[in-house]
Structures are given as C-alpha cells and as structure tokens.
C-alpha atoms as a PDB file:
ATOM      1  CA  UNK A   1    -103.068 123.811   9.549  1.00  0.00           C
ATOM      2  CA  UNK A   2    -103.233 127.482   8.760  1.00  0.00           C
ATOM      3  CA  UNK A   3    -101.425 128.455   5.620  1.00  0.00           C
ATOM      4  CA  UNK A   4     -98.287 130.417   6.200  1.00  0.00           C
ATOM      5  CA  UNK A   5     -99.227 132.834   3.485  1.00  0.00           C
ATOM      6  CA  UNK A   6    -102.505 133.615   5.343  1.00  0.00           C
ATOM      7  CA  UNK A   7    -100.682 134.277   8.507  1.00  0.00           C
ATOM      8  CA  UNK A   8     -98.345 136.715   6.541  1.00  0.00           C
ATOM      9  CA  UNK A   9    -101.235 138.597   5.083  1.00  0.00           C
ATOM     10  CA  UNK A  10    -103.088 138.747   8.379  1.00  0.00           C
ATOM     11  CA  UNK A  11     -99.956 140.197  10.027  1.00  0.00           C
ATOM     12  CA  UNK A  12     -99.657 142.979   7.431  1.00  0.00           C
ATOM     13  CA  UNK A  13    -103.418 143.794   7.794  1.00  0.00           C
ATOM     14  CA  UNK A  14    -103.196 143.793  11.568  1.00  0.00           C
ATOM     15  CA  UNK A  15    -100.443 146.500  11.360  1.00  0.00           C
ATOM     16  CA  UNK A  16    -102.584 148.469   8.809  1.00  0.00           C
ATOM     17  CA  UNK A  17    -105.720 148.316  11.098  1.00  0.00           C
ATOM     18  CA  UNK A  18    -103.756 149.873  13.925  1.00  0.00           C
ATOM     19  CA  UNK A  19    -104.333 153.222  12.265  1.00  0.00           C
ATOM     20  CA  UNK A  20    -106.698 155.364  14.322  1.00  0.00           C
ATOM     21  CA  UNK A  21    -107.985 157.111  11.236  1.00  0.00           C
ATOM     22  CA  UNK A  22    -110.944 155.655   9.413  1.00  0.00           C
ATOM     23  CA  UNK A  23    -110.242 158.043   6.535  1.00  0.00           C
ATOM     24  CA  UNK A  24    -106.739 156.628   6.263  1.00  0.00           C
ATOM     25  CA  UNK A  25    -108.041 152.982   6.241  1.00  0.00           C
ATOM     26  CA  UNK A  26    -110.448 153.920   3.453  1.00  0.00           C
ATOM     27  CA  UNK A  27    -107.947 155.917   1.403  1.00  0.00           C
ATOM     28  CA  UNK A  28    -107.325 154.197  -2.082  1.00  0.00           C
ATOM     29  CA  UNK A  29    -103.663 155.183  -2.039  1.00  0.00           C
ATOM     30  CA  UNK A  30    -103.234 153.615   1.351  1.00  0.00           C
ATOM     31  CA  UNK A  31    -105.059 150.567   0.265  1.00  0.00           C
ATOM     32  CA  UNK A  32    -102.805 150.242  -2.808  1.00  0.00           C
ATOM     33  CA  UNK A  33     -99.631 150.555  -0.589  1.00  0.00           C
ATOM     34  CA  UNK A  34    -100.779 147.750   1.749  1.00  0.00           C
ATOM     35  CA  UNK A  35    -101.695 145.595  -1.227  1.00  0.00           C
ATOM     36  CA  UNK A  36     -98.192 146.125  -2.669  1.00  0.00           C
ATOM     37  CA  UNK A  37     -96.690 145.299   0.651  1.00  0.00           C
ATOM     38  CA  UNK A  38     -98.485 141.933   0.751  1.00  0.00           C
ATOM     39  CA  UNK A  39     -97.471 141.032  -2.766  1.00  0.00           C
ATOM     40  CA  UNK A  40     -93.861 141.907  -2.191  1.00  0.00           C
ATOM     41  CA  UNK A  41     -93.727 139.910   1.104  1.00  0.00           C
ATOM     42  CA  UNK A  42     -95.349 136.903  -0.596  1.00  0.00           C
ATOM     43  CA  UNK A  43     -93.121 137.044  -3.549  1.00  0.00           C
ATOM     44  CA  UNK A  44     -90.010 137.280  -1.328  1.00  0.00           C
ATOM     45  CA  UNK A  45     -91.033 134.408   1.002  1.00  0.00           C
ATOM     46  CA  UNK A  46     -92.059 132.119  -1.819  1.00  0.00           C
ATOM     47  CA  UNK A  47     -89.237 132.757  -4.292  1.00  0.00           C
ATOM     48  CA  UNK A  48     -86.044 130.843  -4.388  1.00  0.00           C
ATOM     49  CA  UNK A  49     -83.978 134.031  -4.194  1.00  0.00           C
ATOM     50  CA  UNK A  50     -85.023 135.305  -0.895  1.00  0.00           C
ATOM     51  CA  UNK A  51     -82.291 137.919  -0.330  1.00  0.00           C
ATOM     52  CA  UNK A  52     -83.335 139.923  -3.451  1.00  0.00           C
ATOM     53  CA  UNK A  53     -86.091 142.440  -3.363  1.00  0.00           C
ATOM     54  CA  UNK A  54     -86.981 145.864  -4.828  1.00  0.00           C
ATOM     55  CA  UNK A  55     -84.113 148.025  -6.082  1.00  0.00           C
ATOM     56  CA  UNK A  56     -81.374 145.375  -5.303  1.00  0.00           C
ATOM     57  CA  UNK A  57     -82.554 143.035  -8.040  1.00  0.00           C
ATOM     58  CA  UNK A  58     -83.271 145.825 -10.579  1.00  0.00           C
ATOM     59  CA  UNK A  59     -79.726 147.149 -10.055  1.00  0.00           C
ATOM     60  CA  UNK A  60     -78.084 143.882 -10.525  1.00  0.00           C
ATOM     61  CA  UNK A  61     -80.093 143.020 -13.560  1.00  0.00           C
ATOM     62  CA  UNK A  62     -79.040 146.281 -15.207  1.00  0.00           C
ATOM     63  CA  UNK A  63     -75.375 145.350 -14.654  1.00  0.00           C
ATOM     64  CA  UNK A  64     -75.569 142.086 -16.789  1.00  0.00           C
ATOM     65  CA  UNK A  65     -72.937 142.169 -19.496  1.00  0.00           C
ATOM     66  CA  UNK A  66     -71.114 145.186 -18.068  1.00  0.00           C
ATOM     67  CA  UNK A  67     -68.236 143.188 -16.512  1.00  0.00           C
ATOM     68  CA  UNK A  68     -68.474 145.064 -13.205  1.00  0.00           C
ATOM     69  CA  UNK A  69     -66.281 143.315 -10.395  1.00  0.00           C
ATOM     70  CA  UNK A  70     -68.528 141.273  -8.144  1.00  0.00           C
ATOM     71  CA  UNK A  71     -66.906 142.625  -4.996  1.00  0.00           C
ATOM     72  CA  UNK A  72     -67.920 146.190  -5.976  1.00  0.00           C
ATOM     73  CA  UNK A  73     -71.510 145.113  -6.789  1.00  0.00           C
ATOM     74  CA  UNK A  74     -71.721 143.369  -3.500  1.00  0.00           C
ATOM     75  CA  UNK A  75     -70.440 146.265  -1.524  1.00  0.00           C
ATOM     76  CA  UNK A  76     -73.022 148.707  -3.089  1.00  0.00           C
ATOM     77  CA  UNK A  77     -75.931 146.144  -2.826  1.00  0.00           C
ATOM     78  CA  UNK A  78     -75.158 145.569   0.879  1.00  0.00           C
ATOM     79  CA  UNK A  79     -75.660 149.288   1.554  1.00  0.00           C
ATOM     80  CA  UNK A  80     -79.266 148.843   0.253  1.00  0.00           C
ATOM     81  CA  UNK A  81     -82.140 147.469   2.350  1.00  0.00           C
ATOM     82  CA  UNK A  82     -82.092 143.621   2.672  1.00  0.00           C
ATOM     83  CA  UNK A  83     -80.262 140.784   4.225  1.00  0.00           C
ATOM     84  CA  UNK A  84     -76.423 140.714   3.908  1.00  0.00           C
ATOM     85  CA  UNK A  85     -75.184 139.406   0.552  1.00  0.00           C
ATOM     86  CA  UNK A  86     -72.097 137.181   0.138  1.00  0.00           C
ATOM     87  CA  UNK A  87     -69.879 137.075  -2.987  1.00  0.00           C
ATOM     88  CA  UNK A  88     -71.497 133.845  -4.017  1.00  0.00           C
ATOM     89  CA  UNK A  89     -75.038 135.415  -3.555  1.00  0.00           C
ATOM     90  CA  UNK A  90     -74.208 138.212  -6.008  1.00  0.00           C
ATOM     91  CA  UNK A  91     -72.147 136.140  -8.503  1.00  0.00           C
ATOM     92  CA  UNK A  92     -74.814 133.371  -8.819  1.00  0.00           C
ATOM     93  CA  UNK A  93     -77.825 135.773  -9.008  1.00  0.00           C
ATOM     94  CA  UNK A  94     -75.907 137.560 -11.818  1.00  0.00           C
ATOM     95  CA  UNK A  95     -75.263 134.289 -13.498  1.00  0.00           C
ATOM     96  CA  UNK A  96     -78.942 133.384 -13.340  1.00  0.00           C
ATOM     97  CA  UNK A  97     -79.864 136.694 -15.006  1.00  0.00           C
ATOM     98  CA  UNK A  98     -77.341 135.998 -17.756  1.00  0.00           C
ATOM     99  CA  UNK A  99     -78.821 132.552 -18.390  1.00  0.00           C
ATOM    100  CA  UNK A 100     -82.390 133.936 -18.873  1.00  0.00           C
ATOM    101  CA  UNK A 101     -83.827 133.658 -22.450  1.00  0.00           C
ATOM    102  CA  UNK A 102     -83.240 136.689 -24.701  1.00  0.00           C
ATOM    103  CA  UNK A 103     -80.486 138.018 -22.413  1.00  0.00           C
ATOM    104  CA  UNK A 104     -77.190 138.839 -24.231  1.00  0.00           C
ATOM    105  CA  UNK A 105     -74.403 136.885 -22.536  1.00  0.00           C
ATOM    106  CA  UNK A 106     -71.270 138.895 -21.605  1.00  0.00           C
ATOM    107  CA  UNK A 107     -68.865 139.178 -24.469  1.00  0.00           C
ATOM    108  CA  UNK A 108     -65.314 138.327 -23.481  1.00  0.00           C
ATOM    109  CA  UNK A 109     -64.007 140.755 -26.172  1.00  0.00           C
ATOM    110  CA  UNK A 110     -65.601 143.606 -24.242  1.00  0.00           C
ATOM    111  CA  UNK A 111     -64.245 142.672 -20.743  1.00  0.00           C
ATOM    112  CA  UNK A 112     -60.937 144.656 -20.722  1.00  0.00           C
ATOM    113  CA  UNK A 113     -62.679 147.828 -22.086  1.00  0.00           C
ATOM    114  CA  UNK A 114     -65.514 147.637 -19.515  1.00  0.00           C
ATOM    115  CA  UNK A 115     -63.005 147.106 -16.651  1.00  0.00           C
ATOM    116  CA  UNK A 116     -60.896 150.153 -17.809  1.00  0.00           C
ATOM    117  CA  UNK A 117     -64.004 152.340 -17.932  1.00  0.00           C
ATOM    118  CA  UNK A 118     -65.090 151.150 -14.577  1.00  0.00           C
ATOM    119  CA  UNK A 119     -61.684 151.702 -12.965  1.00  0.00           C
ATOM    120  CA  UNK A 120     -61.611 155.224 -14.285  1.00  0.00           C
ATOM    121  CA  UNK A 121     -65.107 156.192 -13.182  1.00  0.00           C
ATOM    122  CA  UNK A 122     -64.629 154.587  -9.710  1.00  0.00           C
ATOM    123  CA  UNK A 123     -61.438 156.560  -9.263  1.00  0.00           C
ATOM    124  CA  UNK A 124     -63.314 159.767 -10.083  1.00  0.00           C
ATOM    125  CA  UNK A 125     -65.983 158.832  -7.466  1.00  0.00           C
ATOM    126  CA  UNK A 126     -68.856 158.204  -9.867  1.00  0.00           C
ATOM    127  CA  UNK A 127     -71.767 156.433  -8.281  1.00  0.00           C
ATOM    128  CA  UNK A 128     -72.225 152.889  -9.161  1.00  0.00           C
ATOM    129  CA  UNK A 129     -75.778 153.312 -10.886  1.00  0.00           C
ATOM    130  CA  UNK A 130     -74.268 155.988 -13.106  1.00  0.00           C
ATOM    131  CA  UNK A 131     -71.355 153.763 -13.916  1.00  0.00           C
ATOM    132  CA  UNK A 132     -73.729 151.008 -14.807  1.00  0.00           C
ATOM    133  CA  UNK A 133     -75.716 153.208 -17.223  1.00  0.00           C
ATOM    134  CA  UNK A 134     -72.410 154.397 -18.785  1.00  0.00           C
ATOM    135  CA  UNK A 135     -71.252 150.887 -19.218  1.00  0.00           C
ATOM    136  CA  UNK A 136     -74.500 149.812 -20.792  1.00  0.00           C
ATOM    137  CA  UNK A 137     -74.139 152.424 -23.395  1.00  0.00           C
ATOM    138  CA  UNK A 138     -70.454 151.430 -23.885  1.00  0.00           C
ATOM    139  CA  UNK A 139     -71.381 147.765 -24.310  1.00  0.00           C
ATOM    140  CA  UNK A 140     -74.098 148.593 -26.854  1.00  0.00           C
ATOM    141  CA  UNK A 141     -71.733 150.670 -29.017  1.00  0.00           C
ATOM    142  CA  UNK A 142     -68.890 148.171 -28.803  1.00  0.00           C
ATOM    143  CA  UNK A 143     -71.176 145.185 -29.714  1.00  0.00           C
ATOM    144  CA  UNK A 144     -72.266 147.029 -32.831  1.00  0.00           C
ATOM    145  CA  UNK A 145     -68.702 147.898 -33.733  1.00  0.00           C
ATOM    146  CA  UNK A 146     -67.545 144.295 -33.158  1.00  0.00           C
ATOM    147  CA  UNK A 147     -70.455 142.938 -35.161  1.00  0.00           C
ATOM    148  CA  UNK A 148     -69.374 145.000 -38.197  1.00  0.00           C
ATOM    149  CA  UNK A 149     -65.728 144.009 -37.779  1.00  0.00           C
ATOM    150  CA  UNK A 150     -66.699 140.396 -37.573  1.00  0.00           C
ATOM    151  CA  UNK A 151     -68.886 140.658 -40.653  1.00  0.00           C
ATOM    152  CA  UNK A 152     -66.011 142.265 -42.501  1.00  0.00           C
ATOM    153  CA  UNK A 153     -63.654 139.480 -41.479  1.00  0.00           C
ATOM    154  CA  UNK A 154     -66.025 136.841 -42.471  1.00  0.00           C
ATOM    155  CA  UNK A 155     -66.645 138.487 -45.852  1.00  0.00           C
ATOM    156  CA  UNK A 156     -62.826 138.756 -46.362  1.00  0.00           C
ATOM    157  CA  UNK A 157     -62.397 135.097 -45.439  1.00  0.00           C
ATOM    158  CA  UNK A 158     -65.131 133.990 -47.868  1.00  0.00           C
ATOM    159  CA  UNK A 159     -63.475 135.928 -50.584  1.00  0.00           C
ATOM    160  CA  UNK A 160     -59.995 134.375 -49.787  1.00  0.00           C
ATOM    161  CA  UNK A 161     -61.514 130.847 -49.788  1.00  0.00           C
ATOM    162  CA  UNK A 162     -63.258 131.617 -53.075  1.00  0.00           C
ATOM    163  CA  UNK A 163     -60.003 132.805 -54.672  1.00  0.00           C
ATOM    164  CA  UNK A 164     -58.153 129.827 -53.351  1.00  0.00           C
ATOM    165  CA  UNK A 165     -60.977 127.475 -54.771  1.00  0.00           C
ATOM    166  CA  UNK A 166     -60.746 129.124 -58.140  1.00  0.00           C
ATOM    167  CA  UNK A 167     -56.991 128.792 -58.256  1.00  0.00           C
ATOM    168  CA  UNK A 168     -57.314 125.087 -57.320  1.00  0.00           C
ATOM    169  CA  UNK A 169     -59.751 124.574 -60.186  1.00  0.00           C
ATOM    170  CA  UNK A 170     -57.550 126.437 -62.767  1.00  0.00           C
ATOM    171  CA  UNK A 171     -54.420 124.565 -61.654  1.00  0.00           C
ATOM    172  CA  UNK A 172     -55.870 121.257 -62.816  1.00  0.00           C
ATOM    173  CA  UNK A 173     -56.163 119.739 -59.294  1.00  0.00           C
ATOM    174  CA  UNK A 174     -59.283 117.760 -58.266  1.00  0.00           C
ATOM    175  CA  UNK A 175     -61.776 120.062 -56.512  1.00  0.00           C
ATOM    176  CA  UNK A 176     -65.344 120.414 -55.356  1.00  0.00           C
ATOM    177  CA  UNK A 177     -67.973 122.575 -57.087  1.00  0.00           C
ATOM    178  CA  UNK A 178     -66.523 126.113 -57.685  1.00  0.00           C
ATOM    179  CA  UNK A 179     -67.792 129.140 -59.528  1.00  0.00           C
ATOM    180  CA  UNK A 180     -65.599 131.165 -61.559  1.00  0.00           C
ATOM    181  CA  UNK A 181     -66.212 134.941 -61.173  1.00  0.00           C
ATOM    182  CA  UNK A 182     -69.780 135.866 -61.741  1.00  0.00           C
ATOM    183  CA  UNK A 183     -70.612 133.123 -64.127  1.00  0.00           C
ATOM    184  CA  UNK A 184     -73.794 130.985 -63.203  1.00  0.00           C
ATOM    185  CA  UNK A 185     -71.864 127.792 -63.992  1.00  0.00           C
ATOM    186  CA  UNK A 186     -70.224 125.708 -61.405  1.00  0.00           C
ATOM    187  CA  UNK A 187     -67.179 123.374 -62.036  1.00  0.00           C
ATOM    188  CA  UNK A 188     -65.666 120.480 -60.280  1.00  0.00           C
ATOM    189  CA  UNK A 189     -62.842 118.077 -61.073  1.00  0.00           C
ATOM    190  CA  UNK A 190     -62.674 114.425 -60.139  1.00  0.00           C
ATOM    191  CA  UNK A 191     -60.112 111.898 -61.286  1.00  0.00           C
ATOM    192  CA  UNK A 192     -58.525 114.594 -63.401  1.00  0.00           C
ATOM    193  CA  UNK A 193     -61.804 115.096 -65.394  1.00  0.00           C
ATOM    194  CA  UNK A 194     -63.720 118.383 -65.384  1.00  0.00           C
ATOM    195  CA  UNK A 195     -67.485 118.691 -65.055  1.00  0.00           C
ATOM    196  CA  UNK A 196     -69.803 121.660 -65.474  1.00  0.00           C
ATOM    197  CA  UNK A 197     -73.191 122.436 -63.956  1.00  0.00           C
ATOM    198  CA  UNK A 198     -75.291 124.905 -65.924  1.00  0.00           C
ATOM    199  CA  UNK A 199     -78.581 126.119 -64.363  1.00  0.00           C
ATOM    200  CA  UNK A 200     -81.779 125.586 -66.514  1.00  0.00           C
ATOM    201  CA  UNK A 201     -84.879 127.740 -66.768  1.00  0.00           C
ATOM    202  CA  UNK A 202     -86.848 125.496 -64.559  1.00  0.00           C
ATOM    203  CA  UNK A 203     -84.252 125.681 -61.725  1.00  0.00           C
ATOM    204  CA  UNK A 204     -82.616 122.402 -62.432  1.00  0.00           C
ATOM    205  CA  UNK A 205     -79.067 121.636 -63.426  1.00  0.00           C
ATOM    206  CA  UNK A 206     -77.526 120.311 -66.651  1.00  0.00           C
ATOM    207  CA  UNK A 207     -74.335 118.262 -66.083  1.00  0.00           C
ATOM    208  CA  UNK A 208     -71.639 118.190 -68.795  1.00  0.00           C
ATOM    209  CA  UNK A 209     -68.037 116.817 -68.908  1.00  0.00           C
ATOM    210  CA  UNK A 210     -65.735 119.452 -70.415  1.00  0.00           C
ATOM    211  CA  UNK A 211     -62.163 119.826 -71.400  1.00  0.00           C
ATOM    212  CA  UNK A 212     -61.574 122.955 -69.381  1.00  0.00           C
ATOM    213  CA  UNK A 213     -63.573 125.408 -67.185  1.00  0.00           C
ATOM    214  CA  UNK A 214     -64.749 127.669 -70.026  1.00  0.00           C
ATOM    215  CA  UNK A 215     -68.147 129.162 -70.505  1.00  0.00           C
ATOM    216  CA  UNK A 216     -67.658 128.843 -74.302  1.00  0.00           C
ATOM    217  CA  UNK A 217     -67.367 125.110 -74.324  1.00  0.00           C
ATOM    218  CA  UNK A 218     -70.470 123.041 -74.676  1.00  0.00           C
ATOM    219  CA  UNK A 219     -69.044 119.748 -73.532  1.00  0.00           C
ATOM    220  CA  UNK A 220     -70.542 116.273 -73.350  1.00  0.00           C
ATOM    221  CA  UNK A 221     -74.048 116.182 -71.981  1.00  0.00           C
ATOM    222  CA  UNK A 222     -74.470 113.725 -68.969  1.00  0.00           C
ATOM    223  CA  UNK A 223     -77.955 114.510 -67.660  1.00  0.00           C
ATOM    224  CA  UNK A 224     -80.307 116.897 -65.864  1.00  0.00           C
ATOM    225  CA  UNK A 225     -80.662 116.913 -62.055  1.00  0.00           C
ATOM    226  CA  UNK A 226     -82.852 118.618 -59.541  1.00  0.00           C
ATOM    227  CA  UNK A 227     -80.099 119.418 -57.052  1.00  0.00           C
ATOM    228  CA  UNK A 228     -76.337 119.737 -57.003  1.00  0.00           C
ATOM    229  CA  UNK A 229     -76.141 116.783 -54.588  1.00  0.00           C
ATOM    230  CA  UNK A 230     -77.667 114.474 -57.258  1.00  0.00           C
ATOM    231  CA  UNK A 231     -75.174 115.737 -59.818  1.00  0.00           C
ATOM    232  CA  UNK A 232     -72.308 115.183 -57.433  1.00  0.00           C
ATOM    233  CA  UNK A 233     -73.380 111.581 -56.957  1.00  0.00           C
ATOM    234  CA  UNK A 234     -73.517 111.147 -60.839  1.00  0.00           C
ATOM    235  CA  UNK A 235     -69.961 112.575 -60.973  1.00  0.00           C
ATOM    236  CA  UNK A 236     -68.610 110.008 -58.554  1.00  0.00           C
ATOM    237  CA  UNK A 237     -70.043 107.319 -60.800  1.00  0.00           C
ATOM    238  CA  UNK A 238     -68.776 108.539 -64.201  1.00  0.00           C
ATOM    239  CA  UNK A 239     -65.392 109.906 -63.167  1.00  0.00           C
ATOM    240  CA  UNK A 240     -63.726 106.572 -62.911  1.00  0.00           C
ATOM    241  CA  UNK A 241     -65.557 104.977 -66.093  1.00  0.00           C
ATOM    242  CA  UNK A 242     -63.560 104.693 -69.263  1.00  0.00           C
ATOM    243  CA  UNK A 243     -66.130 107.005 -71.175  1.00  0.00           C
ATOM    244  CA  UNK A 244     -68.837 109.379 -70.225  1.00  0.00           C
ATOM    245  CA  UNK A 245     -72.477 108.242 -70.304  1.00  0.00           C
ATOM    246  CA  UNK A 246     -74.743 110.327 -72.481  1.00  0.00           C
END
C-alpha cells in the first residue's frame, strides 16, 4: 500500500509543478518554501495535536503562566488560520504546555493580579499578543518579588524557631540539639540531664555531660563521634543510667 505521507508529498509537489515558469521551479527560495510546506503538512498530520499549527501554537505557548481566561484565548485563536477550536482544545493544549519539562507552572499567588491587568488592557482595546507580552513581564517581576518575600519569611521563621529552641534549652526542659548564639557547641537535654557536643579539629564531635549550657564548663567526657547522629544514640543510652560512662 502506498504510504499516506508519500501521497501528501506528491500532492504538494504536483501543485508546485503546475508553475509554467522553469525559473520559478528552480528558484532556491521557491524550493525552500515548498520544503517548508511539506514539513509543516507532515508534522500536522502525524502529530497528536492536529488543530495546532504555525502562529496558533506559538501564541498559546507564550501565554503559559499568564492566567489569561481560556474563552478569550479561544476567541482570538479561532480568528487565526486553522480548524475551529473548542474550549477543551485550548484548555488541554495549554495544560500540556504547562506540564512540559523546565516550564514554570502558573503561580496561584499571581492569578488575581494577572486577571486585573488583563481586564484593564482588554477594556482599553489592547490586542491580545500585546497583553500577553505585558503579562509575561508582569509575571517575571512578580515571581522575583514573591521569591524575595518568601525567602524573608523563611528566614524570619527559622529565627523564631531558633529563639524558641534556645528558650526551651535554657528553661530546663528536655530538648533536641540546639546552638546558643554563635557558639560552635550544640546542647541537648534528655531525662533532665544536659549534654554538649564540641567540634574537634578533625571534624568530629566530643560529647560531654554538663551541669548547664555554658561554654566555660568542661563537663564529664563521654566519647568522640563522627556524626551528631552517633552522639544522639549515645545520649539515649546514658541518659537513663545511674552514672555517666567515661
């Protein structure tokens, strides 16, 4: 059976050969155009998204993350060359773009702002491609602003958690490993007994039992460990013994 692709190419070439001008048939620019026509036709007929071609797909891809209403996208796209698009056609093609690798997924925190900008520009009669470019710039700026705000909130939260941990340690309550200020030592309390980890020059940890979290107190040496996890395991063993192992 004759390959459908071969018939497609033959049909395009037949149309091209109808030209009465031999110069036109041999012209490099004309040959490039017919080659592009063949590639586009084959891509469209063999792809799973057969309603999308040329400028349509490029326009929709540029709208990813801009929160433009699907009905407005559909209305504009249907005025471009190609088969009629339904709301589902547009919504699902947009979603497919969003799910592609290295594509930034729409940020819910930017939705209201984007819709506000879109409504304002639409009311002023701005053409959709111009609105998309404006919203792309808006989204980029807002993403950077939100990122800085989120970093500041995380830093503030970590500081609050650190202060709360220090207060718990100083109050005498049992607690996990906690640093006090800028000291290199870590302290924890288990079964009402306080332990200190002091870093060594060979990147290990010396474990002591101490009376209180004070850098001036030497304490009773328990052992040297390669990681805090190993020291934690040792603490769980000695905390409930009647005396500290040396």
